[in-house]
Amino acid sequence: LVKIRIFMADETVTVRMSRSDPSIIWGFRLQGGLDFNEPLTISKVVAGSLAERAGLIEGDHVVRIAGHHADSMQHKDAQDAIISSNNDVEIVVERYGN
């Protein structure tokens, strides 16, 4: 007997962040990636940061970063996509209920 559980996202959210200066941190941390055999997820959001104000939440599963599909990204690829977006980044995430 094989049991399979399928989780459907409760919602998909597009988060857009802009900053006036690259010295301003986005305020979130990623974990996972293709090289870790784990989906890219938001592991930390700094209180009061651009990420928090834009609506990112710890545990969000990253679907796209700056138009790039996250399921084919290694961790460094995701970081590079954020860095290369300069002062404007768009991240699409899926949220799952507990």
N, C-alpha and C. Protein backbone atom coordinates (compact mmCIF):
# COMPACT_ATOMS: atom_id res chain seq x y z
N LEU A 1 0.85 -1.18 0.00
CA LEU A 1 0.00 0.00 0.00
C LEU A 1 0.89 1.24 0.00
N VAL A 2 0.62 2.13 -0.90
CA VAL A 2 1.36 3.38 -0.99
C VAL A 2 0.39 4.52 -0.72
N LYS A 3 0.76 5.38 0.20
CA LYS A 3 -0.07 6.56 0.49
C LYS A 3 0.60 7.78 -0.13
N ILE A 4 -0.18 8.54 -0.82
CA ILE A 4 0.33 9.77 -1.44
C ILE A 4 -0.51 10.93 -0.93
N ARG A 5 0.15 11.95 -0.46
CA ARG A 5 -0.55 13.16 -0.04
C ARG A 5 -0.21 14.27 -1.02
N ILE A 6 -1.21 14.92 -1.50
CA ILE A 6 -1.01 16.03 -2.42
C ILE A 6 -1.46 17.30 -1.72
N PHE A 7 -0.59 18.29 -1.72
CA PHE A 7 -0.90 19.56 -1.09
C PHE A 7 -1.16 20.60 -2.17
N MET A 8 -2.27 21.26 -2.07
CA MET A 8 -2.61 22.33 -3.00
C MET A 8 -2.37 23.66 -2.29
N ALA A 9 -1.80 24.59 -2.99
CA ALA A 9 -1.57 25.91 -2.40
C ALA A 9 -2.91 26.56 -2.09
N ASP A 10 -2.98 27.19 -0.93
CA ASP A 10 -4.18 27.94 -0.56
C ASP A 10 -4.28 29.22 -1.37
N GLU A 11 -3.13 29.80 -1.68
CA GLU A 11 -3.13 31.01 -2.51
C GLU A 11 -1.77 31.21 -3.15
N THR A 12 -1.78 31.90 -4.28
CA THR A 12 -0.56 32.31 -4.96
C THR A 12 -0.50 33.82 -4.88
N VAL A 13 0.64 34.33 -4.44
CA VAL A 13 0.80 35.76 -4.19
C VAL A 13 2.00 36.28 -4.97
N THR A 14 1.82 37.41 -5.64
CA THR A 14 2.93 38.09 -6.31
C THR A 14 3.37 39.24 -5.42
N VAL A 15 4.64 39.21 -5.04
CA VAL A 15 5.21 40.22 -4.14
C VAL A 15 6.19 41.05 -4.95
N ARG A 16 5.97 42.35 -4.97
CA ARG A 16 6.87 43.27 -5.67
C ARG A 16 7.53 44.18 -4.64
N MET A 17 8.85 44.27 -4.74
CA MET A 17 9.59 45.13 -3.82
C MET A 17 10.47 46.08 -4.62
N SER A 18 10.54 47.30 -4.13
CA SER A 18 11.41 48.32 -4.74
C SER A 18 12.16 49.03 -3.63
N ARG A 19 13.37 49.38 -3.93
CA ARG A 19 14.16 50.15 -2.97
C ARG A 19 14.86 51.27 -3.72
N SER A 20 15.13 52.34 -3.02
CA SER A 20 15.75 53.50 -3.64
C SER A 20 17.27 53.40 -3.67
N ASP A 21 17.82 52.49 -2.88
CA ASP A 21 19.27 52.39 -2.74
C ASP A 21 19.63 50.92 -2.51
N PRO A 22 20.64 50.40 -3.21
CA PRO A 22 21.01 48.99 -3.02
C PRO A 22 21.55 48.66 -1.63
N SER A 23 21.87 49.67 -0.83
CA SER A 23 22.34 49.39 0.53
C SER A 23 21.18 49.02 1.46
N ILE A 24 19.95 49.24 1.02
CA ILE A 24 18.77 48.85 1.81
C ILE A 24 18.54 47.36 1.57
N ILE A 25 18.51 46.59 2.66
CA ILE A 25 18.35 45.14 2.51
C ILE A 25 16.90 44.80 2.19
N TRP A 26 16.71 43.69 1.46
CA TRP A 26 15.35 43.21 1.18
C TRP A 26 14.72 42.69 2.46
N GLY A 27 15.51 42.00 3.26
CA GLY A 27 15.02 41.55 4.56
C GLY A 27 14.38 40.17 4.58
N PHE A 28 14.89 39.26 3.77
CA PHE A 28 14.40 37.88 3.83
C PHE A 28 15.54 36.92 3.52
N ARG A 29 15.34 35.68 3.92
CA ARG A 29 16.34 34.64 3.67
C ARG A 29 15.66 33.46 2.97
N LEU A 30 16.36 32.93 1.98
CA LEU A 30 15.88 31.76 1.24
C LEU A 30 16.54 30.50 1.79
N GLN A 31 15.83 29.39 1.66
CA GLN A 31 16.46 28.09 1.89
C GLN A 31 16.01 27.15 0.80
N GLY A 32 16.78 26.10 0.59
CA GLY A 32 16.44 25.10 -0.41
C GLY A 32 17.01 25.42 -1.78
N GLY A 33 16.49 24.72 -2.76
CA GLY A 33 16.94 24.84 -4.13
C GLY A 33 17.19 23.46 -4.70
N LEU A 34 17.33 23.39 -6.01
CA LEU A 34 17.53 22.13 -6.71
C LEU A 34 18.72 21.35 -6.14
N ASP A 35 19.78 22.07 -5.79
CA ASP A 35 20.98 21.42 -5.27
C ASP A 35 20.80 20.86 -3.86
N PHE A 36 19.72 21.24 -3.17
CA PHE A 36 19.42 20.72 -1.83
C PHE A 36 18.26 19.72 -1.86
N ASN A 37 17.72 19.46 -3.06
CA ASN A 37 16.55 18.59 -3.20
C ASN A 37 15.37 19.06 -2.36
N GLU A 38 15.25 20.37 -2.21
CA GLU A 38 14.16 20.97 -1.46
C GLU A 38 13.65 22.16 -2.25
N PRO A 39 12.35 22.43 -2.17
CA PRO A 39 11.84 23.62 -2.85
C PRO A 39 12.41 24.89 -2.22
N LEU A 40 12.57 25.91 -3.02
CA LEU A 40 12.99 27.20 -2.48
C LEU A 40 11.86 27.75 -1.61
N THR A 41 12.20 28.09 -0.39
CA THR A 41 11.21 28.66 0.51
C THR A 41 11.79 29.88 1.22
N ILE A 42 10.90 30.70 1.73
CA ILE A 42 11.31 31.85 2.53
C ILE A 42 11.48 31.34 3.96
N SER A 43 12.71 31.35 4.45
CA SER A 43 12.98 30.79 5.78
C SER A 43 12.97 31.85 6.87
N LYS A 44 13.16 33.11 6.50
CA LYS A 44 13.17 34.18 7.50
C LYS A 44 12.75 35.48 6.84
N VAL A 45 11.95 36.26 7.57
CA VAL A 45 11.57 37.60 7.14
C VAL A 45 11.88 38.54 8.31
N VAL A 46 12.67 39.56 8.05
CA VAL A 46 13.08 40.50 9.09
C VAL A 46 11.93 41.46 9.39
N ALA A 47 11.63 41.61 10.67
CA ALA A 47 10.56 42.51 11.09
C ALA A 47 10.85 43.94 10.62
N GLY A 48 9.85 44.58 10.03
CA GLY A 48 9.98 45.96 9.57
C GLY A 48 10.68 46.12 8.23
N SER A 49 11.11 45.02 7.63
CA SER A 49 11.88 45.09 6.37
C SER A 49 10.97 45.31 5.17
N LEU A 50 11.59 45.58 4.03
CA LEU A 50 10.84 45.69 2.77
C LEU A 50 10.05 44.41 2.51
N ALA A 51 10.67 43.28 2.75
CA ALA A 51 10.01 41.99 2.51
C ALA A 51 8.75 41.85 3.37
N GLU A 52 8.84 42.22 4.63
CA GLU A 52 7.67 42.12 5.50
C GLU A 52 6.57 43.07 5.04
N ARG A 53 6.97 44.30 4.74
CA ARG A 53 5.97 45.29 4.30
C ARG A 53 5.33 44.91 2.97
N ALA A 54 6.08 44.20 2.12
CA ALA A 54 5.55 43.77 0.82
C ALA A 54 4.66 42.54 0.94
N GLY A 55 4.76 41.83 2.08
CA GLY A 55 3.87 40.70 2.30
C GLY A 55 4.49 39.32 2.29
N LEU A 56 5.82 39.20 2.22
CA LEU A 56 6.43 37.87 2.30
C LEU A 56 6.24 37.32 3.71
N ILE A 57 6.06 36.01 3.79
CA ILE A 57 5.84 35.34 5.07
C ILE A 57 6.76 34.13 5.14
N GLU A 58 7.33 33.89 6.31
CA GLU A 58 8.16 32.70 6.50
C GLU A 58 7.33 31.47 6.14
N GLY A 59 7.94 30.59 5.37
CA GLY A 59 7.26 29.38 4.93
C GLY A 59 6.69 29.47 3.52
N ASP A 60 6.65 30.68 2.95
CA ASP A 60 6.20 30.82 1.56
C ASP A 60 7.07 29.96 0.65
N HIS A 61 6.45 29.28 -0.29
CA HIS A 61 7.18 28.48 -1.29
C HIS A 61 7.36 29.35 -2.53
N VAL A 62 8.59 29.51 -2.98
CA VAL A 62 8.90 30.39 -4.10
C VAL A 62 8.60 29.67 -5.41
N VAL A 63 7.80 30.33 -6.26
CA VAL A 63 7.44 29.79 -7.57
C VAL A 63 8.30 30.43 -8.66
N ARG A 64 8.45 31.75 -8.60
CA ARG A 64 9.24 32.49 -9.59
C ARG A 64 9.98 33.63 -8.90
N ILE A 65 11.17 33.91 -9.41
CA ILE A 65 11.95 35.07 -8.98
C ILE A 65 12.33 35.84 -10.22
N ALA A 66 11.90 37.08 -10.30
CA ALA A 66 12.22 37.94 -11.44
C ALA A 66 11.92 37.25 -12.77
N GLY A 67 10.79 36.53 -12.81
CA GLY A 67 10.37 35.87 -14.04
C GLY A 67 10.96 34.50 -14.29
N HIS A 68 11.91 34.07 -13.45
CA HIS A 68 12.56 32.77 -13.60
C HIS A 68 11.86 31.73 -12.73
N HIS A 69 11.57 30.56 -13.30
CA HIS A 69 10.91 29.49 -12.54
C HIS A 69 11.85 28.94 -11.47
N ALA A 70 11.38 28.93 -10.24
CA ALA A 70 12.22 28.54 -9.12
C ALA A 70 12.46 27.04 -9.03
N ASP A 71 11.58 26.23 -9.61
CA ASP A 71 11.74 24.77 -9.47
C ASP A 71 12.97 24.24 -10.19
N SER A 72 13.56 25.03 -11.08
CA SER A 72 14.77 24.60 -11.77
C SER A 72 16.01 25.36 -11.29
N MET A 73 15.87 26.09 -10.18
CA MET A 73 16.98 26.91 -9.68
C MET A 73 17.74 26.24 -8.55
N GLN A 74 19.05 26.31 -8.65
CA GLN A 74 19.86 26.00 -7.49
C GLN A 74 19.82 27.22 -6.57
N HIS A 75 20.25 27.03 -5.33
CA HIS A 75 20.18 28.12 -4.35
C HIS A 75 20.90 29.38 -4.86
N LYS A 76 22.09 29.20 -5.38
CA LYS A 76 22.88 30.35 -5.88
C LYS A 76 22.19 31.02 -7.06
N ASP A 77 21.52 30.24 -7.92
CA ASP A 77 20.77 30.83 -9.04
C ASP A 77 19.70 31.78 -8.53
N ALA A 78 19.02 31.37 -7.47
CA ALA A 78 17.97 32.21 -6.88
C ALA A 78 18.56 33.49 -6.32
N GLN A 79 19.66 33.36 -5.61
CA GLN A 79 20.34 34.55 -5.07
C GLN A 79 20.76 35.48 -6.21
N ASP A 80 21.34 34.91 -7.25
CA ASP A 80 21.80 35.72 -8.39
C ASP A 80 20.64 36.42 -9.09
N ALA A 81 19.49 35.76 -9.20
CA ALA A 81 18.32 36.38 -9.84
C ALA A 81 17.85 37.59 -9.04
N ILE A 82 17.92 37.48 -7.73
CA ILE A 82 17.52 38.61 -6.87
C ILE A 82 18.54 39.74 -7.01
N ILE A 83 19.81 39.40 -6.95
CA ILE A 83 20.86 40.42 -7.06
C ILE A 83 20.80 41.13 -8.41
N SER A 84 20.61 40.37 -9.49
CA SER A 84 20.61 40.98 -10.82
C SER A 84 19.36 41.80 -11.10
N SER A 85 18.36 41.68 -10.26
CA SER A 85 17.16 42.50 -10.45
C SER A 85 17.36 43.92 -9.94
N ASN A 86 18.53 44.19 -9.40
CA ASN A 86 18.90 45.52 -8.91
C ASN A 86 17.96 45.99 -7.81
N ASN A 87 17.23 47.07 -8.04
CA ASN A 87 16.42 47.68 -6.98
C ASN A 87 14.93 47.36 -7.07
N ASP A 88 14.54 46.52 -8.00
CA ASP A 88 13.14 46.12 -8.15
C ASP A 88 13.10 44.62 -8.38
N VAL A 89 12.40 43.92 -7.51
CA VAL A 89 12.31 42.46 -7.65
C VAL A 89 10.86 42.01 -7.48
N GLU A 90 10.51 41.01 -8.27
CA GLU A 90 9.18 40.41 -8.17
C GLU A 90 9.35 38.93 -7.84
N ILE A 91 8.67 38.50 -6.79
CA ILE A 91 8.74 37.11 -6.35
C ILE A 91 7.32 36.58 -6.26
N VAL A 92 7.06 35.46 -6.90
CA VAL A 92 5.75 34.81 -6.83
C VAL A 92 5.89 33.64 -5.86
N VAL A 93 5.00 33.59 -4.87
CA VAL A 93 5.04 32.54 -3.87
C VAL A 93 3.69 31.85 -3.75
N GLU A 94 3.74 30.63 -3.24
CA GLU A 94 2.52 29.90 -2.91
C GLU A 94 2.48 29.73 -1.40
N ARG A 95 1.27 29.84 -0.86
CA ARG A 95 1.07 29.67 0.58
C ARG A 95 0.19 28.47 0.83
N TYR A 96 0.56 27.74 1.86
CA TYR A 96 -0.16 26.52 2.23
C TYR A 96 -0.67 26.68 3.66
N GLY A 97 -1.88 26.19 3.91
CA GLY A 97 -2.44 26.22 5.26
C GLY A 97 -1.77 25.21 6.15
N ASN A 98 -1.97 25.39 7.42
CA ASN A 98 -1.35 24.46 8.39
C ASN A 98 -2.27 23.30 8.67
